[in-house]
Amino acid sequence: SDVFEVSRMELLDFITVLSIFLDNAIEASLESASPELSFVYFQEENRKIMIIENSTKQERINTKAIFNYGYSTKGNGRGIGLANVYEILSTYSRVYLKTYSNEYKFRQELVFED
């Protein structure tokens, strides 16, 4: 029932990042043995936190390489989305991304500090 508000980013940048995360999460989860996707947005003290987690077909994904332009676990001619996310987020202070992959799960945590 609360208003979904992100004051630390331009709306277009936020929608771009969110759409890339969700598109990747949907596609990856559908390739997994047991498709799962969760989306959570909440406030904790002076931070707003958005978490997108999905199942994967790989047990673990190299979370350092995925932000490189042209790198993709899905084949050639791809790997632009997360590179764009990295570029967008690099222009904002007090907006942090934490990325995890383990046990057939992939998780993006976007933290907005007030």
PDB file of N, CA and C in Angstrom:
ATOM      1  N   SER A   1       0.807  -1.204   0.000  1.00  0.00           N
ATOM      2  CA  SER A   1       0.000   0.000   0.000  1.00  0.00           C
ATOM      3  C   SER A   1       0.847   1.264   0.000  1.00  0.00           C
ATOM      4  N   ASP A   2       2.150   1.140   0.241  1.00  0.00           N
ATOM      5  CA  ASP A   2       3.033   2.307   0.223  1.00  0.00           C
ATOM      6  C   ASP A   2       3.336   2.735  -1.204  1.00  0.00           C
ATOM      7  N   VAL A   3       3.729   3.980  -1.341  1.00  0.00           N
ATOM      8  CA  VAL A   3       4.121   4.516  -2.639  1.00  0.00           C
ATOM      9  C   VAL A   3       5.509   3.990  -2.983  1.00  0.00           C
ATOM     10  N   PHE A   4       5.651   3.515  -4.202  1.00  0.00           N
ATOM     11  CA  PHE A   4       6.939   3.021  -4.701  1.00  0.00           C
ATOM     12  C   PHE A   4       7.682   4.219  -5.249  1.00  0.00           C
ATOM     13  N   GLU A   5       8.723   4.649  -4.545  1.00  0.00           N
ATOM     14  CA  GLU A   5       9.431   5.863  -4.939  1.00  0.00           C
ATOM     15  C   GLU A   5      10.939   5.634  -4.889  1.00  0.00           C
ATOM     16  N   VAL A   6      11.617   6.102  -5.921  1.00  0.00           N
ATOM     17  CA  VAL A   6      13.073   6.044  -5.963  1.00  0.00           C
ATOM     18  C   VAL A   6      13.553   7.464  -6.212  1.00  0.00           C
ATOM     19  N   SER A   7      14.049   8.100  -5.173  1.00  0.00           N
ATOM     20  CA  SER A   7      14.434   9.506  -5.291  1.00  0.00           C
ATOM     21  C   SER A   7      15.891   9.697  -5.687  1.00  0.00           C
ATOM     22  N   ARG A   8      16.676   8.661  -5.681  1.00  0.00           N
ATOM     23  CA  ARG A   8      18.101   8.768  -5.964  1.00  0.00           C
ATOM     24  C   ARG A   8      18.440   8.632  -7.442  1.00  0.00           C
ATOM     25  N   MET A   9      17.489   8.257  -8.280  1.00  0.00           N
ATOM     26  CA  MET A   9      17.755   8.049  -9.710  1.00  0.00           C
ATOM     27  C   MET A   9      16.702   8.743 -10.546  1.00  0.00           C
ATOM     28  N   GLU A  10      17.108   9.112 -11.745  1.00  0.00           N
ATOM     29  CA  GLU A  10      16.131   9.596 -12.716  1.00  0.00           C
ATOM     30  C   GLU A  10      15.187   8.440 -13.046  1.00  0.00           C
ATOM     31  N   LEU A  11      13.935   8.746 -13.248  1.00  0.00           N
ATOM     32  CA  LEU A  11      12.932   7.711 -13.483  1.00  0.00           C
ATOM     33  C   LEU A  11      13.275   6.851 -14.700  1.00  0.00           C
ATOM     34  N   LEU A  12      13.711   7.454 -15.786  1.00  0.00           N
ATOM     35  CA  LEU A  12      14.045   6.695 -16.996  1.00  0.00           C
ATOM     36  C   LEU A  12      15.207   5.732 -16.736  1.00  0.00           C
ATOM     37  N   ASP A  13      16.212   6.180 -15.991  1.00  0.00           N
ATOM     38  CA  ASP A  13      17.323   5.292 -15.647  1.00  0.00           C
ATOM     39  C   ASP A  13      16.857   4.133 -14.783  1.00  0.00           C
ATOM     40  N   PHE A  14      16.011   4.427 -13.803  1.00  0.00           N
ATOM     41  CA  PHE A  14      15.494   3.367 -12.932  1.00  0.00           C
ATOM     42  C   PHE A  14      14.693   2.344 -13.736  1.00  0.00           C
ATOM     43  N   ILE A  15      13.825   2.803 -14.617  1.00  0.00           N
ATOM     44  CA  ILE A  15      13.011   1.897 -15.425  1.00  0.00           C
ATOM     45  C   ILE A  15      13.897   1.065 -16.355  1.00  0.00           C
ATOM     46  N   THR A  16      14.938   1.672 -16.914  1.00  0.00           N
ATOM     47  CA  THR A  16      15.873   0.932 -17.767  1.00  0.00           C
ATOM     48  C   THR A  16      16.560  -0.177 -16.985  1.00  0.00           C
ATOM     49  N   VAL A  17      17.090   0.152 -15.811  1.00  0.00           N
ATOM     50  CA  VAL A  17      17.765  -0.844 -14.973  1.00  0.00           C
ATOM     51  C   VAL A  17      16.792  -1.950 -14.563  1.00  0.00           C
ATOM     52  N   LEU A  18      15.622  -1.561 -14.098  1.00  0.00           N
ATOM     53  CA  LEU A  18      14.626  -2.547 -13.671  1.00  0.00           C
ATOM     54  C   LEU A  18      14.215  -3.460 -14.821  1.00  0.00           C
ATOM     55  N   SER A  19      14.011  -2.902 -16.001  1.00  0.00           N
ATOM     56  CA  SER A  19      13.585  -3.728 -17.133  1.00  0.00           C
ATOM     57  C   SER A  19      14.682  -4.700 -17.568  1.00  0.00           C
ATOM     58  N   ILE A  20      15.934  -4.282 -17.506  1.00  0.00           N
ATOM     59  CA  ILE A  20      17.045  -5.185 -17.837  1.00  0.00           C
ATOM     60  C   ILE A  20      17.113  -6.313 -16.813  1.00  0.00           C
ATOM     61  N   PHE A  21      17.047  -5.967 -15.531  1.00  0.00           N
ATOM     62  CA  PHE A  21      17.072  -6.988 -14.488  1.00  0.00           C
ATOM     63  C   PHE A  21      15.925  -7.990 -14.650  1.00  0.00           C
ATOM     64  N   LEU A  22      14.713  -7.492 -14.857  1.00  0.00           N
ATOM     65  CA  LEU A  22      13.555  -8.386 -14.962  1.00  0.00           C
ATOM     66  C   LEU A  22      13.606  -9.232 -16.234  1.00  0.00           C
ATOM     67  N   ASP A  23      14.000  -8.628 -17.348  1.00  0.00           N
ATOM     68  CA  ASP A  23      14.115  -9.380 -18.600  1.00  0.00           C
ATOM     69  C   ASP A  23      15.123 -10.519 -18.450  1.00  0.00           C
ATOM     70  N   ASN A  24      16.291 -10.214 -17.872  1.00  0.00           N
ATOM     71  CA  ASN A  24      17.302 -11.242 -17.655  1.00  0.00           C
ATOM     72  C   ASN A  24      16.808 -12.320 -16.691  1.00  0.00           C
ATOM     73  N   ALA A  25      16.140 -11.901 -15.624  1.00  0.00           N
ATOM     74  CA  ALA A  25      15.665 -12.845 -14.611  1.00  0.00           C
ATOM     75  C   ALA A  25      14.599 -13.782 -15.176  1.00  0.00           C
ATOM     76  N   ILE A  26      13.690 -13.241 -15.957  1.00  0.00           N
ATOM     77  CA  ILE A  26      12.643 -14.075 -16.558  1.00  0.00           C
ATOM     78  C   ILE A  26      13.260 -15.091 -17.511  1.00  0.00           C
ATOM     79  N   GLU A  27      14.130 -14.607 -18.393  1.00  0.00           N
ATOM     80  CA  GLU A  27      14.753 -15.489 -19.373  1.00  0.00           C
ATOM     81  C   GLU A  27      15.588 -16.585 -18.703  1.00  0.00           C
ATOM     82  N   ALA A  28      16.391 -16.216 -17.712  1.00  0.00           N
ATOM     83  CA  ALA A  28      17.243 -17.201 -17.028  1.00  0.00           C
ATOM     84  C   ALA A  28      16.418 -18.209 -16.240  1.00  0.00           C
ATOM     85  N   SER A  29      15.377 -17.743 -15.580  1.00  0.00           N
ATOM     86  CA  SER A  29      14.562 -18.673 -14.784  1.00  0.00           C
ATOM     87  C   SER A  29      13.849 -19.683 -15.669  1.00  0.00           C
ATOM     88  N   LEU A  30      13.416 -19.257 -16.847  1.00  0.00           N
ATOM     89  CA  LEU A  30      12.725 -20.181 -17.751  1.00  0.00           C
ATOM     90  C   LEU A  30      13.650 -21.263 -18.292  1.00  0.00           C
ATOM     91  N   GLU A  31      14.957 -20.995 -18.295  1.00  0.00           N
ATOM     92  CA  GLU A  31      15.927 -21.989 -18.742  1.00  0.00           C
ATOM     93  C   GLU A  31      16.323 -22.960 -17.627  1.00  0.00           C
ATOM     94  N   SER A  32      15.955 -22.652 -16.396  1.00  0.00           N
ATOM     95  CA  SER A  32      16.355 -23.482 -15.257  1.00  0.00           C
ATOM     96  C   SER A  32      15.430 -24.700 -15.126  1.00  0.00           C
ATOM     97  N   ALA A  33      15.879 -25.668 -14.325  1.00  0.00           N
ATOM     98  CA  ALA A  33      15.102 -26.890 -14.113  1.00  0.00           C
ATOM     99  C   ALA A  33      13.804 -26.610 -13.364  1.00  0.00           C
ATOM    100  N   SER A  34      13.828 -25.627 -12.483  1.00  0.00           N
ATOM    101  CA  SER A  34      12.650 -25.269 -11.686  1.00  0.00           C
ATOM    102  C   SER A  34      12.502 -23.744 -11.677  1.00  0.00           C
ATOM    103  N   PRO A  35      11.792 -23.181 -12.655  1.00  0.00           N
ATOM    104  CA  PRO A  35      11.716 -21.722 -12.796  1.00  0.00           C
ATOM    105  C   PRO A  35      11.128 -21.016 -11.568  1.00  0.00           C
ATOM    106  N   GLU A  36      11.888 -20.055 -11.059  1.00  0.00           N
ATOM    107  CA  GLU A  36      11.447 -19.232  -9.932  1.00  0.00           C
ATOM    108  C   GLU A  36      11.955 -17.814 -10.121  1.00  0.00           C
ATOM    109  N   LEU A  37      11.140 -16.841  -9.720  1.00  0.00           N
ATOM    110  CA  LEU A  37      11.534 -15.445  -9.763  1.00  0.00           C
ATOM    111  C   LEU A  37      10.855 -14.740  -8.597  1.00  0.00           C
ATOM    112  N   SER A  38      11.618 -13.911  -7.891  1.00  0.00           N
ATOM    113  CA  SER A  38      11.006 -13.112  -6.821  1.00  0.00           C
ATOM    114  C   SER A  38      11.486 -11.665  -6.942  1.00  0.00           C
ATOM    115  N   PHE A  39      10.598 -10.758  -6.555  1.00  0.00           N
ATOM    116  CA  PHE A  39      10.874  -9.324  -6.578  1.00  0.00           C
ATOM    117  C   PHE A  39      10.435  -8.760  -5.238  1.00  0.00           C
ATOM    118  N   VAL A  40      11.342  -8.033  -4.575  1.00  0.00           N
ATOM    119  CA  VAL A  40      11.042  -7.443  -3.272  1.00  0.00           C
ATOM    120  C   VAL A  40      11.541  -6.008  -3.277  1.00  0.00           C
ATOM    121  N   TYR A  41      10.749  -5.119  -2.710  1.00  0.00           N
ATOM    122  CA  TYR A  41      11.149  -3.725  -2.545  1.00  0.00           C
ATOM    123  C   TYR A  41      10.715  -3.281  -1.162  1.00  0.00           C
ATOM    124  N   PHE A  42      11.656  -2.774  -0.359  1.00  0.00           N
ATOM    125  CA  PHE A  42      11.317  -2.370   1.001  1.00  0.00           C
ATOM    126  C   PHE A  42      12.264  -1.276   1.474  1.00  0.00           C
ATOM    127  N   GLN A  43      11.885  -0.654   2.586  1.00  0.00           N
ATOM    128  CA  GLN A  43      12.721   0.362   3.198  1.00  0.00           C
ATOM    129  C   GLN A  43      13.244  -0.183   4.513  1.00  0.00           C
ATOM    130  N   GLU A  44      14.534   0.089   4.771  1.00  0.00           N
ATOM    131  CA  GLU A  44      15.184  -0.338   6.001  1.00  0.00           C
ATOM    132  C   GLU A  44      16.035   0.835   6.487  1.00  0.00           C
ATOM    133  N   GLU A  45      15.634   1.433   7.586  1.00  0.00           N
ATOM    134  CA  GLU A  45      16.285   2.628   8.119  1.00  0.00           C
ATOM    135  C   GLU A  45      16.359   3.693   7.040  1.00  0.00           C
ATOM    136  N   ASN A  46      17.560   4.124   6.658  1.00  0.00           N
ATOM    137  CA  ASN A  46      17.689   5.200   5.664  1.00  0.00           C
ATOM    138  C   ASN A  46      17.967   4.661   4.262  1.00  0.00           C
ATOM    139  N   ARG A  47      17.608   3.408   4.020  1.00  0.00           N
ATOM    140  CA  ARG A  47      17.867   2.791   2.713  1.00  0.00           C
ATOM    141  C   ARG A  47      16.589   2.193   2.139  1.00  0.00           C
ATOM    142  N   LYS A  48      16.481   2.277   0.813  1.00  0.00           N
ATOM    143  CA  LYS A  48      15.450   1.553   0.082  1.00  0.00           C
ATOM    144  C   LYS A  48      16.165   0.443  -0.666  1.00  0.00           C
ATOM    145  N   ILE A  49      15.611  -0.742  -0.629  1.00  0.00           N
ATOM    146  CA  ILE A  49      16.288  -1.902  -1.192  1.00  0.00           C
ATOM    147  C   ILE A  49      15.355  -2.628  -2.151  1.00  0.00           C
ATOM    148  N   MET A  50      15.872  -2.912  -3.336  1.00  0.00           N
ATOM    149  CA  MET A  50      15.144  -3.684  -4.339  1.00  0.00           C
ATOM    150  C   MET A  50      15.937  -4.959  -4.591  1.00  0.00           C
ATOM    151  N   ILE A  51      15.266  -6.102  -4.498  1.00  0.00           N
ATOM    152  CA  ILE A  51      15.929  -7.384  -4.722  1.00  0.00           C
ATOM    153  C   ILE A  51      15.169  -8.159  -5.792  1.00  0.00           C
ATOM    154  N   ILE A  52      15.909  -8.626  -6.777  1.00  0.00           N
ATOM    155  CA  ILE A  52      15.360  -9.525  -7.789  1.00  0.00           C
ATOM    156  C   ILE A  52      16.201 -10.787  -7.749  1.00  0.00           C
ATOM    157  N   GLU A  53      15.541 -11.918  -7.536  1.00  0.00           N
ATOM    158  CA  GLU A  53      16.245 -13.195  -7.469  1.00  0.00           C
ATOM    159  C   GLU A  53      15.549 -14.192  -8.394  1.00  0.00           C
ATOM    160  N   ASN A  54      16.361 -14.982  -9.092  1.00  0.00           N
ATOM    161  CA  ASN A  54      15.795 -15.971 -10.002  1.00  0.00           C
ATOM    162  C   ASN A  54      16.619 -17.251  -9.977  1.00  0.00           C
ATOM    163  N   SER A  55      15.984 -18.314 -10.408  1.00  0.00           N
ATOM    164  CA  SER A  55      16.677 -19.591 -10.558  1.00  0.00           C
ATOM    165  C   SER A  55      17.510 -19.552 -11.837  1.00  0.00           C
ATOM    166  N   THR A  56      18.556 -20.399 -11.871  1.00  0.00           N
ATOM    167  CA  THR A  56      19.435 -20.461 -13.036  1.00  0.00           C
ATOM    168  C   THR A  56      19.712 -21.914 -13.406  1.00  0.00           C
ATOM    169  N   LYS A  57      20.132 -22.139 -14.647  1.00  0.00           N
ATOM    170  CA  LYS A  57      20.499 -23.503 -15.046  1.00  0.00           C
ATOM    171  C   LYS A  57      21.923 -23.840 -14.614  1.00  0.00           C
ATOM    172  N   GLN A  58      22.757 -22.796 -14.387  1.00  0.00           N
ATOM    173  CA  GLN A  58      24.116 -23.005 -13.895  1.00  0.00           C
ATOM    174  C   GLN A  58      24.113 -22.931 -12.364  1.00  0.00           C
ATOM    175  N   GLU A  59      24.960 -23.750 -11.754  1.00  0.00           N
ATOM    176  CA  GLU A  59      25.046 -23.721 -10.291  1.00  0.00           C
ATOM    177  C   GLU A  59      25.549 -22.359  -9.803  1.00  0.00           C
ATOM    178  N   ARG A  60      26.513 -21.788 -10.546  1.00  0.00           N
ATOM    179  CA  ARG A  60      27.079 -20.493 -10.167  1.00  0.00           C
ATOM    180  C   ARG A  60      27.471 -19.727 -11.425  1.00  0.00           C
ATOM    181  N   ILE A  61      27.195 -18.432 -11.431  1.00  0.00           N
ATOM    182  CA  ILE A  61      27.538 -17.557 -12.554  1.00  0.00           C
ATOM    183  C   ILE A  61      28.649 -16.614 -12.098  1.00  0.00           C
ATOM    184  N   ASN A  62      29.610 -16.353 -12.980  1.00  0.00           N
ATOM    185  CA  ASN A  62      30.702 -15.439 -12.677  1.00  0.00           C
ATOM    186  C   ASN A  62      30.148 -14.015 -12.605  1.00  0.00           C
ATOM    187  N   THR A  63      29.939 -13.512 -11.414  1.00  0.00           N
ATOM    188  CA  THR A  63      29.298 -12.207 -11.245  1.00  0.00           C
ATOM    189  C   THR A  63      30.216 -11.031 -11.572  1.00  0.00           C
ATOM    190  N   LYS A  64      31.492 -11.265 -11.741  1.00  0.00           N
ATOM    191  CA  LYS A  64      32.399 -10.173 -12.126  1.00  0.00           C
ATOM    192  C   LYS A  64      32.384  -9.961 -13.634  1.00  0.00           C
ATOM    193  N   ALA A  65      32.293 -11.017 -14.395  1.00  0.00           N
ATOM    194  CA  ALA A  65      32.367 -10.927 -15.851  1.00  0.00           C
ATOM    195  C   ALA A  65      31.073 -10.434 -16.491  1.00  0.00           C
ATOM    196  N   ILE A  66      29.936 -10.633 -15.859  1.00  0.00           N
ATOM    197  CA  ILE A  66      28.647 -10.353 -16.502  1.00  0.00           C
ATOM    198  C   ILE A  66      28.411  -8.882 -16.820  1.00  0.00           C
ATOM    199  N   PHE A  67      29.151  -7.987 -16.188  1.00  0.00           N
ATOM    200  CA  PHE A  67      28.971  -6.563 -16.451  1.00  0.00           C
ATOM    201  C   PHE A  67      29.879  -6.053 -17.561  1.00  0.00           C
ATOM    202  N   ASN A  68      30.705  -6.926 -18.121  1.00  0.00           N
ATOM    203  CA  ASN A  68      31.567  -6.546 -19.245  1.00  0.00           C
ATOM    204  C   ASN A  68      30.753  -6.507 -20.528  1.00  0.00           C
ATOM    205  N   TYR A  69      30.978  -5.465 -21.319  1.00  0.00           N
ATOM    206  CA  TYR A  69      30.258  -5.317 -22.584  1.00  0.00           C
ATOM    207  C   TYR A  69      30.547  -6.526 -23.486  1.00  0.00           C
ATOM    208  N   GLY A  70      29.492  -7.169 -23.974  1.00  0.00           N
ATOM    209  CA  GLY A  70      29.631  -8.308 -24.875  1.00  0.00           C
ATOM    210  C   GLY A  70      29.687  -9.656 -24.187  1.00  0.00           C
ATOM    211  N   TYR A  71      29.823  -9.682 -22.858  1.00  0.00           N
ATOM    212  CA  TYR A  71      29.850 -10.961 -22.142  1.00  0.00           C
ATOM    213  C   TYR A  71      28.422 -11.429 -21.906  1.00  0.00           C
ATOM    214  N   SER A  72      28.170 -12.684 -22.218  1.00  0.00           N
ATOM    215  CA  SER A  72      26.850 -13.255 -21.990  1.00  0.00           C
ATOM    216  C   SER A  72      26.964 -14.749 -21.757  1.00  0.00           C
ATOM    217  N   THR A  73      26.140 -15.263 -20.865  1.00  0.00           N
ATOM    218  CA  THR A  73      26.056 -16.709 -20.671  1.00  0.00           C
ATOM    219  C   THR A  73      25.065 -17.306 -21.657  1.00  0.00           C
ATOM    220  N   LYS A  74      24.445 -16.457 -22.485  1.00  0.00           N
ATOM    221  CA  LYS A  74      23.376 -16.894 -23.384  1.00  0.00           C
ATOM    222  C   LYS A  74      23.790 -16.942 -24.847  1.00  0.00           C
ATOM    223  N   GLY A  75      25.080 -16.764 -25.158  1.00  0.00           N
ATOM    224  CA  GLY A  75      25.518 -16.877 -26.542  1.00  0.00           C
ATOM    225  C   GLY A  75      26.079 -15.592 -27.102  1.00  0.00           C
ATOM    226  N   ASN A  76      26.528 -15.659 -28.342  1.00  0.00           N
ATOM    227  CA  ASN A  76      27.150 -14.523 -29.032  1.00  0.00           C
ATOM    228  C   ASN A  76      26.133 -13.462 -29.406  1.00  0.00           C
ATOM    229  N   GLY A  77      26.624 -12.238 -29.579  1.00  0.00           N
ATOM    230  CA  GLY A  77      25.755 -11.143 -30.009  1.00  0.00           C
ATOM    231  C   GLY A  77      24.875 -10.597 -28.914  1.00  0.00           C
ATOM    232  N   ARG A  78      25.240 -10.866 -27.677  1.00  0.00           N
ATOM    233  CA  ARG A  78      24.434 -10.416 -26.536  1.00  0.00           C
ATOM    234  C   ARG A  78      25.358  -9.730 -25.542  1.00  0.00           C
ATOM    235  N   GLY A  79      24.925  -9.570 -24.304  1.00  0.00           N
ATOM    236  CA  GLY A  79      25.786  -9.020 -23.267  1.00  0.00           C
ATOM    237  C   GLY A  79      25.871  -7.510 -23.239  1.00  0.00           C
ATOM    238  N   ILE A  80      24.784  -6.850 -23.598  1.00  0.00           N
ATOM    239  CA  ILE A  80      24.769  -5.391 -23.603  1.00  0.00           C
ATOM    240  C   ILE A  80      24.024  -4.843 -22.390  1.00  0.00           C
ATOM    241  N   GLY A  81      22.979  -5.535 -21.958  1.00  0.00           N
ATOM    242  CA  GLY A  81      22.100  -5.044 -20.892  1.00  0.00           C
ATOM    243  C   GLY A  81      22.806  -4.738 -19.586  1.00  0.00           C
ATOM    244  N   LEU A  82      23.528  -5.705 -19.029  1.00  0.00           N
ATOM    245  CA  LEU A  82      24.180  -5.474 -17.740  1.00  0.00           C
ATOM    246  C   LEU A  82      25.339  -4.499 -17.858  1.00  0.00           C
ATOM    247  N   ALA A  83      25.963  -4.429 -19.024  1.00  0.00           N
ATOM    248  CA  ALA A  83      26.988  -3.402 -19.242  1.00  0.00           C
ATOM    249  C   ALA A  83      26.346  -2.014 -19.178  1.00  0.00           C
ATOM    250  N   ASN A  84      25.148  -1.882 -19.732  1.00  0.00           N
ATOM    251  CA  ASN A  84      24.413  -0.622 -19.650  1.00  0.00           C
ATOM    252  C   ASN A  84      24.021  -0.301 -18.215  1.00  0.00           C
ATOM    253  N   VAL A  85      23.598  -1.309 -17.464  1.00  0.00           N
ATOM    254  CA  VAL A  85      23.265  -1.118 -16.047  1.00  0.00           C
ATOM    255  C   VAL A  85      24.481  -0.562 -15.308  1.00  0.00           C
ATOM    256  N   TYR A  86      25.627  -1.177 -15.531  1.00  0.00           N
ATOM    257  CA  TYR A  86      26.854  -0.740 -14.870  1.00  0.00           C
ATOM    258  C   TYR A  86      27.156   0.722 -15.200  1.00  0.00           C
ATOM    259  N   GLU A  87      27.006   1.075 -16.463  1.00  0.00           N
ATOM    260  CA  GLU A  87      27.266   2.453 -16.892  1.00  0.00           C
ATOM    261  C   GLU A  87      26.281   3.431 -16.256  1.00  0.00           C
ATOM    262  N   ILE A  88      25.008   3.079 -16.225  1.00  0.00           N
ATOM    263  CA  ILE A  88      23.993   3.947 -15.605  1.00  0.00           C
ATOM    264  C   ILE A  88      24.282   4.128 -14.120  1.00  0.00           C
ATOM    265  N   LEU A  89      24.512   3.028 -13.413  1.00  0.00           N
ATOM    266  CA  LEU A  89      24.710   3.110 -11.967  1.00  0.00           C
ATOM    267  C   LEU A  89      25.985   3.847 -11.589  1.00  0.00           C
ATOM    268  N   SER A  90      26.975   3.838 -12.474  1.00  0.00           N
ATOM    269  CA  SER A  90      28.238   4.523 -12.175  1.00  0.00           C
ATOM    270  C   SER A  90      28.062   6.042 -12.108  1.00  0.00           C
ATOM    271  N   THR A  91      26.961   6.567 -12.608  1.00  0.00           N
ATOM    272  CA  THR A  91      26.721   8.008 -12.580  1.00  0.00           C
ATOM    273  C   THR A  91      26.023   8.461 -11.300  1.00  0.00           C
ATOM    274  N   TYR A  92      25.646   7.519 -10.447  1.00  0.00           N
ATOM    275  CA  TYR A  92      24.915   7.857  -9.225  1.00  0.00           C
ATOM    276  C   TYR A  92      25.728   7.530  -7.985  1.00  0.00           C
ATOM    277  N   SER A  93      25.823   8.522  -7.092  1.00  0.00           N
ATOM    278  CA  SER A  93      26.415   8.231  -5.793  1.00  0.00           C
ATOM    279  C   SER A  93      25.281   7.770  -4.867  1.00  0.00           C
ATOM    280  N   ARG A  94      25.618   6.985  -3.920  1.00  0.00           N
ATOM    281  CA  ARG A  94      24.668   6.475  -2.926  1.00  0.00           C
ATOM    282  C   ARG A  94      23.616   5.528  -3.505  1.00  0.00           C
ATOM    283  N   VAL A  95      23.919   4.953  -4.648  1.00  0.00           N
ATOM    284  CA  VAL A  95      23.133   3.856  -5.218  1.00  0.00           C
ATOM    285  C   VAL A  95      24.123   2.722  -5.450  1.00  0.00           C
ATOM    286  N   TYR A  96      23.862   1.584  -4.822  1.00  0.00           N
ATOM    287  CA  TYR A  96      24.823   0.483  -4.840  1.00  0.00           C
ATOM    288  C   TYR A  96      24.165  -0.799  -5.345  1.00  0.00           C
ATOM    289  N   LEU A  97      24.921  -1.568  -6.077  1.00  0.00           N
ATOM    290  CA  LEU A  97      24.440  -2.854  -6.585  1.00  0.00           C
ATOM    291  C   LEU A  97      25.288  -3.967  -5.991  1.00  0.00           C
ATOM    292  N   LYS A  98      24.614  -4.968  -5.458  1.00  0.00           N
ATOM    293  CA  LYS A  98      25.275  -6.174  -4.957  1.00  0.00           C
ATOM    294  C   LYS A  98      24.725  -7.337  -5.772  1.00  0.00           C
ATOM    295  N   THR A  99      25.604  -8.154  -6.315  1.00  0.00           N
ATOM    296  CA  THR A  99      25.204  -9.264  -7.168  1.00  0.00           C
ATOM    297  C   THR A  99      25.754 -10.563  -6.599  1.00  0.00           C
ATOM    298  N   TYR A 100      24.886 -11.567  -6.497  1.00  0.00           N
ATOM    299  CA  TYR A 100      25.272 -12.862  -5.931  1.00  0.00           C
ATOM    300  C   TYR A 100      24.822 -13.989  -6.857  1.00  0.00           C
ATOM    301  N   SER A 101      25.564 -15.064  -6.861  1.00  0.00           N
ATOM    302  CA  SER A 101      25.156 -16.270  -7.569  1.00  0.00           C
ATOM    303  C   SER A 101      25.713 -17.475  -6.822  1.00  0.00           C
ATOM    304  N   ASN A 102      24.807 -18.403  -6.496  1.00  0.00           N
ATOM    305  CA  ASN A 102      25.202 -19.602  -5.773  1.00  0.00           C
ATOM    306  C   ASN A 102      24.024 -20.571  -5.733  1.00  0.00           C
ATOM    307  N   GLU A 103      24.313 -21.839  -5.781  1.00  0.00           N
ATOM    308  CA  GLU A 103      23.294 -22.896  -5.641  1.00  0.00           C
ATOM    309  C   GLU A 103      22.095 -22.698  -6.568  1.00  0.00           C
ATOM    310  N   TYR A 104      22.373 -22.411  -7.850  1.00  0.00           N
ATOM    311  CA  TYR A 104      21.354 -22.265  -8.893  1.00  0.00           C
ATOM    312  C   TYR A 104      20.425 -21.071  -8.659  1.00  0.00           C
ATOM    313  N   LYS A 105      20.921 -20.060  -7.967  1.00  0.00           N
ATOM    314  CA  LYS A 105      20.172 -18.821  -7.739  1.00  0.00           C
ATOM    315  C   LYS A 105      21.040 -17.634  -8.137  1.00  0.00           C
ATOM    316  N   PHE A 106      20.404 -16.622  -8.699  1.00  0.00           N
ATOM    317  CA  PHE A 106      21.071 -15.385  -9.078  1.00  0.00           C
ATOM    318  C   PHE A 106      20.303 -14.243  -8.440  1.00  0.00           C
ATOM    319  N   ARG A 107      21.020 -13.315  -7.805  1.00  0.00           N
ATOM    320  CA  ARG A 107      20.361 -12.259  -7.031  1.00  0.00           C
ATOM    321  C   ARG A 107      21.014 -10.908  -7.286  1.00  0.00           C
ATOM    322  N   GLN A 108      20.170  -9.921  -7.593  1.00  0.00           N
ATOM    323  CA  GLN A 108      20.604  -8.521  -7.744  1.00  0.00           C
ATOM    324  C   GLN A 108      19.951  -7.724  -6.615  1.00  0.00           C
ATOM    325  N   GLU A 109      20.772  -7.042  -5.824  1.00  0.00           N
ATOM    326  CA  GLU A 109      20.265  -6.161  -4.766  1.00  0.00           C
ATOM    327  C   GLU A 109      20.678  -4.735  -5.104  1.00  0.00           C
ATOM    328  N   LEU A 110      19.704  -3.873  -5.304  1.00  0.00           N
ATOM    329  CA  LEU A 110      19.956  -2.474  -5.595  1.00  0.00           C
ATOM    330  C   LEU A 110      19.592  -1.673  -4.353  1.00  0.00           C
ATOM    331  N   VAL A 111      20.566  -0.947  -3.810  1.00  0.00           N
ATOM    332  CA  VAL A 111      20.383  -0.224  -2.557  1.00  0.00           C
ATOM    333  C   VAL A 111      20.468   1.279  -2.826  1.00  0.00           C
ATOM    334  N   PHE A 112      19.455   2.002  -2.360  1.00  0.00           N
ATOM    335  CA  PHE A 112      19.393   3.458  -2.490  1.00  0.00           C
ATOM    336  C   PHE A 112      19.522   4.056  -1.092  1.00  0.00           C
ATOM    337  N   GLU A 113      20.622   4.736  -0.836  1.00  0.00           N
ATOM    338  CA  GLU A 113      20.811   5.374   0.474  1.00  0.00           C
ATOM    339  C   GLU A 113      20.319   6.812   0.436  1.00  0.00           C
ATOM    340  N   ASP A 114      19.586   7.202   1.469  1.00  0.00           N
ATOM    341  CA  ASP A 114      19.105   8.590   1.574  1.00  0.00           C
ATOM    342  C   ASP A 114      20.162   9.506   2.112  1.00  0.00           C
TER     343      ASP A 114
END
